[in-house]
């Protein structure tokens, strides 16, 4: 399966299905959104703009996703919604007040992030050099709220996501293709990176066993406390 680059002009000479974002039909429910994603990723080529448009058009309905919204008072959580037949992972992330991720990469995966509830802030960073010992500073800061859907891959840089509110939680829907089990986490003070495992707080609405140490959440906690 090939996912067209974000900056590649749309080509639809052969009238391939799921290639023209202007023809996206609004999904009526989360279940219908998931069904459409399965159809899209079953094809050899996937158009980033089409997927982003489809996810943007989904109108968030808490009754549809609240069973996946497993939260933790001390850290953000990653809750698996659908495994995408091995082509993608769809997950729901819960962000408590002022919760945030570390600066991280996406293991050469394509990442779509849609806001379902609340507001999140994204800080974008350039990749530091291997010998870097200087503080990483964001090159851009963006804020998103429903129904916005944004996109990133490693060619576009690194990012950190956080809930800027100190009174309201936030919930986001993420799609990663292909799925990945670890990524690079970066110390903002020095640019040093470490591998961290990507674990799920719950799968399909059910709490998972506690994972091994070395997760991205733990890397973030270490950076905050040292």
C-alpha atoms as a PDB file:
ATOM      1  CA  UNK A   1       0.000   0.000   0.000  1.00  0.00           C
ATOM      2  CA  UNK A   2       1.278   3.462  -0.915  1.00  0.00           C
ATOM      3  CA  UNK A   3       0.145   6.663   0.743  1.00  0.00           C
ATOM      4  CA  UNK A   4       0.566   9.693  -1.455  1.00  0.00           C
ATOM      5  CA  UNK A   5       2.852  12.338   0.013  1.00  0.00           C
ATOM      6  CA  UNK A   6       1.185  15.270   1.694  1.00  0.00           C
ATOM      7  CA  UNK A   7       2.665  17.728  -0.797  1.00  0.00           C
ATOM      8  CA  UNK A   8       1.965  15.609  -3.887  1.00  0.00           C
ATOM      9  CA  UNK A   9      -0.627  17.204  -6.197  1.00  0.00           C
ATOM     10  CA  UNK A  10      -3.847  15.246  -6.514  1.00  0.00           C
ATOM     11  CA  UNK A  11      -3.862  12.982  -9.545  1.00  0.00           C
ATOM     12  CA  UNK A  12      -7.067  11.320 -10.654  1.00  0.00           C
ATOM     13  CA  UNK A  13      -6.542  10.624 -14.325  1.00  0.00           C
ATOM     14  CA  UNK A  14      -7.912   7.092 -14.035  1.00  0.00           C
ATOM     15  CA  UNK A  15     -10.848   8.144 -11.849  1.00  0.00           C
ATOM     16  CA  UNK A  16      -9.562   5.970  -9.015  1.00  0.00           C
ATOM     17  CA  UNK A  17     -11.932   5.619  -6.073  1.00  0.00           C
ATOM     18  CA  UNK A  18     -11.228   7.590  -2.893  1.00  0.00           C
ATOM     19  CA  UNK A  19      -8.860   9.974  -4.668  1.00  0.00           C
ATOM     20  CA  UNK A  20     -10.918  13.170  -5.026  1.00  0.00           C
ATOM     21  CA  UNK A  21     -11.471  14.948  -1.680  1.00  0.00           C
ATOM     22  CA  UNK A  22     -14.286  17.020  -3.185  1.00  0.00           C
ATOM     23  CA  UNK A  23     -16.361  13.849  -3.490  1.00  0.00           C
ATOM     24  CA  UNK A  24     -16.120  12.786   0.135  1.00  0.00           C
ATOM     25  CA  UNK A  25     -19.507  12.061   1.686  1.00  0.00           C
ATOM     26  CA  UNK A  26     -19.977  12.952   5.346  1.00  0.00           C
ATOM     27  CA  UNK A  27     -20.038   9.783   7.487  1.00  0.00           C
ATOM     28  CA  UNK A  28     -23.233   9.583   9.530  1.00  0.00           C
ATOM     29  CA  UNK A  29     -21.597   7.918  12.536  1.00  0.00           C
ATOM     30  CA  UNK A  30     -18.280   6.761  13.967  1.00  0.00           C
ATOM     31  CA  UNK A  31     -19.102   3.243  12.785  1.00  0.00           C
ATOM     32  CA  UNK A  32     -19.641   4.513   9.245  1.00  0.00           C
ATOM     33  CA  UNK A  33     -16.372   6.460   9.413  1.00  0.00           C
ATOM     34  CA  UNK A  34     -14.528   3.266  10.384  1.00  0.00           C
ATOM     35  CA  UNK A  35     -16.203   1.327   7.564  1.00  0.00           C
ATOM     36  CA  UNK A  36     -15.132   3.968   5.041  1.00  0.00           C
ATOM     37  CA  UNK A  37     -11.569   3.943   6.356  1.00  0.00           C
ATOM     38  CA  UNK A  38     -11.413   0.174   5.870  1.00  0.00           C
ATOM     39  CA  UNK A  39     -12.539   0.600   2.261  1.00  0.00           C
ATOM     40  CA  UNK A  40     -10.006   3.361   1.592  1.00  0.00           C
ATOM     41  CA  UNK A  41      -7.023   1.523   3.073  1.00  0.00           C
ATOM     42  CA  UNK A  42      -7.922  -1.669   1.209  1.00  0.00           C
ATOM     43  CA  UNK A  43      -6.677   0.053  -1.972  1.00  0.00           C
ATOM     44  CA  UNK A  44      -3.090   0.085  -3.152  1.00  0.00           C
ATOM     45  CA  UNK A  45      -2.897   3.883  -3.036  1.00  0.00           C
ATOM     46  CA  UNK A  46      -4.320   6.113  -0.329  1.00  0.00           C
ATOM     47  CA  UNK A  47      -4.783   9.843  -0.746  1.00  0.00           C
ATOM     48  CA  UNK A  48      -3.902  11.873   2.362  1.00  0.00           C
ATOM     49  CA  UNK A  49      -6.247  14.738   1.499  1.00  0.00           C
ATOM     50  CA  UNK A  50      -9.167  12.339   1.055  1.00  0.00           C
ATOM     51  CA  UNK A  51      -8.633  10.725   4.462  1.00  0.00           C
ATOM     52  CA  UNK A  52      -8.177  14.096   6.149  1.00  0.00           C
ATOM     53  CA  UNK A  53     -11.368  15.424   4.561  1.00  0.00           C
ATOM     54  CA  UNK A  54     -13.339  12.334   5.586  1.00  0.00           C
ATOM     55  CA  UNK A  55     -12.213  12.595   9.203  1.00  0.00           C
ATOM     56  CA  UNK A  56     -12.898  16.347   9.253  1.00  0.00           C
ATOM     57  CA  UNK A  57     -16.473  15.816   8.080  1.00  0.00           C
ATOM     58  CA  UNK A  58     -17.307  13.338  10.829  1.00  0.00           C
ATOM     59  CA  UNK A  59     -19.422  15.169  13.414  1.00  0.00           C
ATOM     60  CA  UNK A  60     -18.274  14.174  16.878  1.00  0.00           C
ATOM     61  CA  UNK A  61     -20.932  12.368  18.905  1.00  0.00           C
ATOM     62  CA  UNK A  62     -19.912  11.506  22.455  1.00  0.00           C
ATOM     63  CA  UNK A  63     -22.496   8.717  22.663  1.00  0.00           C
ATOM     64  CA  UNK A  64     -20.614   6.917  19.883  1.00  0.00           C
ATOM     65  CA  UNK A  65     -17.093   7.158  21.306  1.00  0.00           C
ATOM     66  CA  UNK A  66     -17.496   7.452  25.077  1.00  0.00           C
ATOM     67  CA  UNK A  67     -17.039   3.682  25.561  1.00  0.00           C
ATOM     68  CA  UNK A  68     -13.464   4.096  24.268  1.00  0.00           C
ATOM     69  CA  UNK A  69     -12.728   7.188  26.363  1.00  0.00           C
ATOM     70  CA  UNK A  70     -10.736   5.599  29.176  1.00  0.00           C
ATOM     71  CA  UNK A  71      -8.832   8.275  31.044  1.00  0.00           C
ATOM     72  CA  UNK A  72      -6.201   8.525  33.769  1.00  0.00           C
ATOM     73  CA  UNK A  73      -5.907  11.461  36.173  1.00  0.00           C
ATOM     74  CA  UNK A  74      -2.100  11.555  35.880  1.00  0.00           C
ATOM     75  CA  UNK A  75      -1.371  11.194  32.153  1.00  0.00           C
ATOM     76  CA  UNK A  76      -2.948  11.135  28.729  1.00  0.00           C
ATOM     77  CA  UNK A  77      -4.176   7.746  27.515  1.00  0.00           C
ATOM     78  CA  UNK A  78      -4.154   5.922  24.171  1.00  0.00           C
ATOM     79  CA  UNK A  79      -7.220   3.746  23.581  1.00  0.00           C
ATOM     80  CA  UNK A  80      -7.355   1.441  20.556  1.00  0.00           C
ATOM     81  CA  UNK A  81     -10.627   1.626  18.622  1.00  0.00           C
ATOM     82  CA  UNK A  82      -9.865  -0.373  15.463  1.00  0.00           C
ATOM     83  CA  UNK A  83      -6.842  -2.263  14.079  1.00  0.00           C
ATOM     84  CA  UNK A  84      -7.639  -1.525  10.442  1.00  0.00           C
ATOM     85  CA  UNK A  85      -6.839  -5.043   9.171  1.00  0.00           C
ATOM     86  CA  UNK A  86      -3.173  -4.320   9.816  1.00  0.00           C
ATOM     87  CA  UNK A  87      -3.187  -1.262   7.518  1.00  0.00           C
ATOM     88  CA  UNK A  88      -3.833   1.350  10.203  1.00  0.00           C
ATOM     89  CA  UNK A  89      -4.572   1.851  13.870  1.00  0.00           C
ATOM     90  CA  UNK A  90      -7.456   4.073  14.896  1.00  0.00           C
ATOM     91  CA  UNK A  91      -7.324   5.222  18.493  1.00  0.00           C
ATOM     92  CA  UNK A  92      -8.910   7.667  20.871  1.00  0.00           C
ATOM     93  CA  UNK A  93      -6.652   9.754  23.109  1.00  0.00           C
ATOM     94  CA  UNK A  94      -7.908  11.297  26.331  1.00  0.00           C
ATOM     95  CA  UNK A  95      -6.129  14.406  27.615  1.00  0.00           C
ATOM     96  CA  UNK A  96      -6.798  15.517  31.167  1.00  0.00           C
ATOM     97  CA  UNK A  97      -6.329  19.120  32.191  1.00  0.00           C
ATOM     98  CA  UNK A  98      -2.832  20.276  31.126  1.00  0.00           C
ATOM     99  CA  UNK A  99      -1.804  16.774  30.018  1.00  0.00           C
ATOM    100  CA  UNK A 100       0.689  16.593  27.167  1.00  0.00           C
ATOM    101  CA  UNK A 101       2.934  14.267  25.205  1.00  0.00           C
ATOM    102  CA  UNK A 102       6.684  14.370  24.810  1.00  0.00           C
ATOM    103  CA  UNK A 103       8.203  15.696  21.602  1.00  0.00           C
ATOM    104  CA  UNK A 104       8.093  12.648  19.360  1.00  0.00           C
ATOM    105  CA  UNK A 105       8.425  11.179  15.884  1.00  0.00           C
ATOM    106  CA  UNK A 106       5.987   8.851  14.124  1.00  0.00           C
ATOM    107  CA  UNK A 107       8.242   5.973  13.003  1.00  0.00           C
ATOM    108  CA  UNK A 108       7.760   6.786   9.306  1.00  0.00           C
ATOM    109  CA  UNK A 109       4.019   6.485   9.734  1.00  0.00           C
ATOM    110  CA  UNK A 110       1.291   8.861   8.562  1.00  0.00           C
ATOM    111  CA  UNK A 111      -0.621  10.500  11.401  1.00  0.00           C
ATOM    112  CA  UNK A 112      -4.083  12.068  11.275  1.00  0.00           C
ATOM    113  CA  UNK A 113      -5.423  13.822  14.385  1.00  0.00           C
ATOM    114  CA  UNK A 114      -9.057  14.890  14.730  1.00  0.00           C
ATOM    115  CA  UNK A 115     -10.410  16.783  17.719  1.00  0.00           C
ATOM    116  CA  UNK A 116     -13.556  15.195  19.162  1.00  0.00           C
ATOM    117  CA  UNK A 117     -13.935  17.317  22.287  1.00  0.00           C
ATOM    118  CA  UNK A 118     -12.169  20.304  23.801  1.00  0.00           C
ATOM    119  CA  UNK A 119      -9.069  21.895  22.324  1.00  0.00           C
ATOM    120  CA  UNK A 120      -5.464  20.757  21.832  1.00  0.00           C
ATOM    121  CA  UNK A 121      -2.245  22.619  21.108  1.00  0.00           C
ATOM    122  CA  UNK A 122       0.401  21.318  18.705  1.00  0.00           C
ATOM    123  CA  UNK A 123       4.023  22.427  18.867  1.00  0.00           C
ATOM    124  CA  UNK A 124       5.998  21.632  15.701  1.00  0.00           C
ATOM    125  CA  UNK A 125       9.768  21.045  15.827  1.00  0.00           C
ATOM    126  CA  UNK A 126      12.573  20.443  13.368  1.00  0.00           C
ATOM    127  CA  UNK A 127      14.629  17.275  13.778  1.00  0.00           C
ATOM    128  CA  UNK A 128      17.709  17.971  15.954  1.00  0.00           C
ATOM    129  CA  UNK A 129      21.130  16.863  14.788  1.00  0.00           C
ATOM    130  CA  UNK A 130      22.573  13.649  16.182  1.00  0.00           C
ATOM    131  CA  UNK A 131      25.159  15.663  18.119  1.00  0.00           C
ATOM    132  CA  UNK A 132      22.681  18.244  19.425  1.00  0.00           C
ATOM    133  CA  UNK A 133      22.989  19.452  23.012  1.00  0.00           C
ATOM    134  CA  UNK A 134      20.886  22.594  22.691  1.00  0.00           C
ATOM    135  CA  UNK A 135      17.285  23.264  23.620  1.00  0.00           C
ATOM    136  CA  UNK A 136      14.651  22.412  21.026  1.00  0.00           C
ATOM    137  CA  UNK A 137      12.397  25.365  20.245  1.00  0.00           C
ATOM    138  CA  UNK A 138       9.104  25.085  18.382  1.00  0.00           C
ATOM    139  CA  UNK A 139       9.021  26.487  14.880  1.00  0.00           C
ATOM    140  CA  UNK A 140       5.222  26.782  14.967  1.00  0.00           C
ATOM    141  CA  UNK A 141       2.374  26.458  17.451  1.00  0.00           C
ATOM    142  CA  UNK A 142      -1.157  25.579  16.360  1.00  0.00           C
ATOM    143  CA  UNK A 143      -4.394  25.108  18.263  1.00  0.00           C
ATOM    144  CA  UNK A 144      -7.176  22.835  17.069  1.00  0.00           C
ATOM    145  CA  UNK A 145     -10.763  22.255  18.100  1.00  0.00           C
ATOM    146  CA  UNK A 146     -13.618  20.189  16.712  1.00  0.00           C
ATOM    147  CA  UNK A 147     -14.185  19.403  13.858  1.00  0.00           C
ATOM    148  CA  UNK A 148     -10.587  20.068  12.803  1.00  0.00           C
ATOM    149  CA  UNK A 149      -8.351  17.260  11.526  1.00  0.00           C
ATOM    150  CA  UNK A 150      -4.621  17.811  11.027  1.00  0.00           C
ATOM    151  CA  UNK A 151      -1.862  15.654   9.543  1.00  0.00           C
ATOM    152  CA  UNK A 152       1.846  15.036  10.123  1.00  0.00           C
ATOM    153  CA  UNK A 153       4.592  12.633   9.086  1.00  0.00           C
ATOM    154  CA  UNK A 154       8.302  12.493   9.834  1.00  0.00           C
ATOM    155  CA  UNK A 155       9.188  14.460   6.701  1.00  0.00           C
ATOM    156  CA  UNK A 156       7.189  17.383   8.094  1.00  0.00           C
ATOM    157  CA  UNK A 157       8.994  17.231  11.437  1.00  0.00           C
ATOM    158  CA  UNK A 158       8.336  16.342  15.061  1.00  0.00           C
ATOM    159  CA  UNK A 159       5.554  17.504  17.302  1.00  0.00           C
ATOM    160  CA  UNK A 160       4.161  17.585  20.787  1.00  0.00           C
ATOM    161  CA  UNK A 161       0.450  17.617  21.611  1.00  0.00           C
ATOM    162  CA  UNK A 162      -1.015  19.010  24.807  1.00  0.00           C
ATOM    163  CA  UNK A 163      -4.286  20.085  26.330  1.00  0.00           C
ATOM    164  CA  UNK A 164      -3.811  23.804  27.062  1.00  0.00           C
ATOM    165  CA  UNK A 165      -6.805  23.977  29.392  1.00  0.00           C
ATOM    166  CA  UNK A 166      -6.472  23.751  33.160  1.00  0.00           C
ATOM    167  CA  UNK A 167     -10.198  23.193  33.616  1.00  0.00           C
ATOM    168  CA  UNK A 168     -11.484  21.093  30.711  1.00  0.00           C
ATOM    169  CA  UNK A 169     -10.377  17.709  29.298  1.00  0.00           C
ATOM    170  CA  UNK A 170      -9.892  17.050  25.592  1.00  0.00           C
ATOM    171  CA  UNK A 171     -10.421  14.004  23.381  1.00  0.00           C
ATOM    172  CA  UNK A 172      -8.801  13.343  20.001  1.00  0.00           C
ATOM    173  CA  UNK A 173      -9.149  10.631  17.362  1.00  0.00           C
ATOM    174  CA  UNK A 174      -5.884   9.472  15.734  1.00  0.00           C
ATOM    175  CA  UNK A 175      -5.189   7.322  12.702  1.00  0.00           C
ATOM    176  CA  UNK A 176      -1.680   5.927  12.139  1.00  0.00           C
ATOM    177  CA  UNK A 177      -0.699   4.117   8.965  1.00  0.00           C
ATOM    178  CA  UNK A 178       1.144   1.853   9.048  1.00  0.00           C
ATOM    179  CA  UNK A 179       0.727   0.986  12.731  1.00  0.00           C
ATOM    180  CA  UNK A 180       3.882   1.199  14.876  1.00  0.00           C
ATOM    181  CA  UNK A 181       4.898  -0.077  18.305  1.00  0.00           C
ATOM    182  CA  UNK A 182       7.698   2.355  19.170  1.00  0.00           C
ATOM    183  CA  UNK A 183       8.895   5.828  18.272  1.00  0.00           C
ATOM    184  CA  UNK A 184      11.575   8.357  19.181  1.00  0.00           C
ATOM    185  CA  UNK A 185      10.958  10.643  22.147  1.00  0.00           C
ATOM    186  CA  UNK A 186      13.063  13.804  22.512  1.00  0.00           C
ATOM    187  CA  UNK A 187      14.323  15.731  25.528  1.00  0.00           C
ATOM    188  CA  UNK A 188      13.446  19.336  24.771  1.00  0.00           C
ATOM    189  CA  UNK A 189      16.360  20.630  26.857  1.00  0.00           C
ATOM    190  CA  UNK A 190      19.074  18.835  24.864  1.00  0.00           C
ATOM    191  CA  UNK A 191      17.548  17.307  21.717  1.00  0.00           C
ATOM    192  CA  UNK A 192      18.641  13.848  22.861  1.00  0.00           C
ATOM    193  CA  UNK A 193      16.319  11.059  21.811  1.00  0.00           C
ATOM    194  CA  UNK A 194      15.351   7.673  23.179  1.00  0.00           C
ATOM    195  CA  UNK A 195      13.240   4.843  21.885  1.00  0.00           C
ATOM    196  CA  UNK A 196       9.972   4.418  23.701  1.00  0.00           C
ATOM    197  CA  UNK A 197       7.281   1.798  23.370  1.00  0.00           C
ATOM    198  CA  UNK A 198       3.825   2.790  22.257  1.00  0.00           C
ATOM    199  CA  UNK A 199       1.246   1.100  24.455  1.00  0.00           C
ATOM    200  CA  UNK A 200      -2.530   1.156  24.793  1.00  0.00           C
ATOM    201  CA  UNK A 201      -4.409   2.059  27.953  1.00  0.00           C
ATOM    202  CA  UNK A 202      -7.376   0.103  26.609  1.00  0.00           C
ATOM    203  CA  UNK A 203      -8.348  -1.923  23.536  1.00  0.00           C
ATOM    204  CA  UNK A 204     -11.846  -1.918  22.099  1.00  0.00           C
ATOM    205  CA  UNK A 205     -13.210  -0.402  25.297  1.00  0.00           C
ATOM    206  CA  UNK A 206     -11.498  -2.854  27.672  1.00  0.00           C
ATOM    207  CA  UNK A 207      -8.615  -1.952  29.990  1.00  0.00           C
ATOM    208  CA  UNK A 208      -5.326  -3.588  29.015  1.00  0.00           C
ATOM    209  CA  UNK A 209      -2.739  -5.012  31.460  1.00  0.00           C
ATOM    210  CA  UNK A 210      -0.081  -2.589  32.628  1.00  0.00           C
ATOM    211  CA  UNK A 211       2.647  -2.339  30.001  1.00  0.00           C
ATOM    212  CA  UNK A 212       6.404  -2.504  30.398  1.00  0.00           C
ATOM    213  CA  UNK A 213       8.353   0.563  31.414  1.00  0.00           C
ATOM    214  CA  UNK A 214       9.789   2.809  28.741  1.00  0.00           C
ATOM    215  CA  UNK A 215       6.579   4.205  27.275  1.00  0.00           C
ATOM    216  CA  UNK A 216       6.314   7.683  25.750  1.00  0.00           C
ATOM    217  CA  UNK A 217       4.189   8.809  28.693  1.00  0.00           C
ATOM    218  CA  UNK A 218       6.928   7.766  31.111  1.00  0.00           C
ATOM    219  CA  UNK A 219       9.519   9.595  29.031  1.00  0.00           C
ATOM    220  CA  UNK A 220       7.421  12.733  29.320  1.00  0.00           C
ATOM    221  CA  UNK A 221       7.059  12.319  33.073  1.00  0.00           C
ATOM    222  CA  UNK A 222      10.825  11.851  33.441  1.00  0.00           C
ATOM    223  CA  UNK A 223      11.488  15.055  31.469  1.00  0.00           C
ATOM    224  CA  UNK A 224       9.055  17.002  33.647  1.00  0.00           C
ATOM    225  CA  UNK A 225      10.536  15.761  36.926  1.00  0.00           C
ATOM    226  CA  UNK A 226      14.261  16.060  36.162  1.00  0.00           C
END
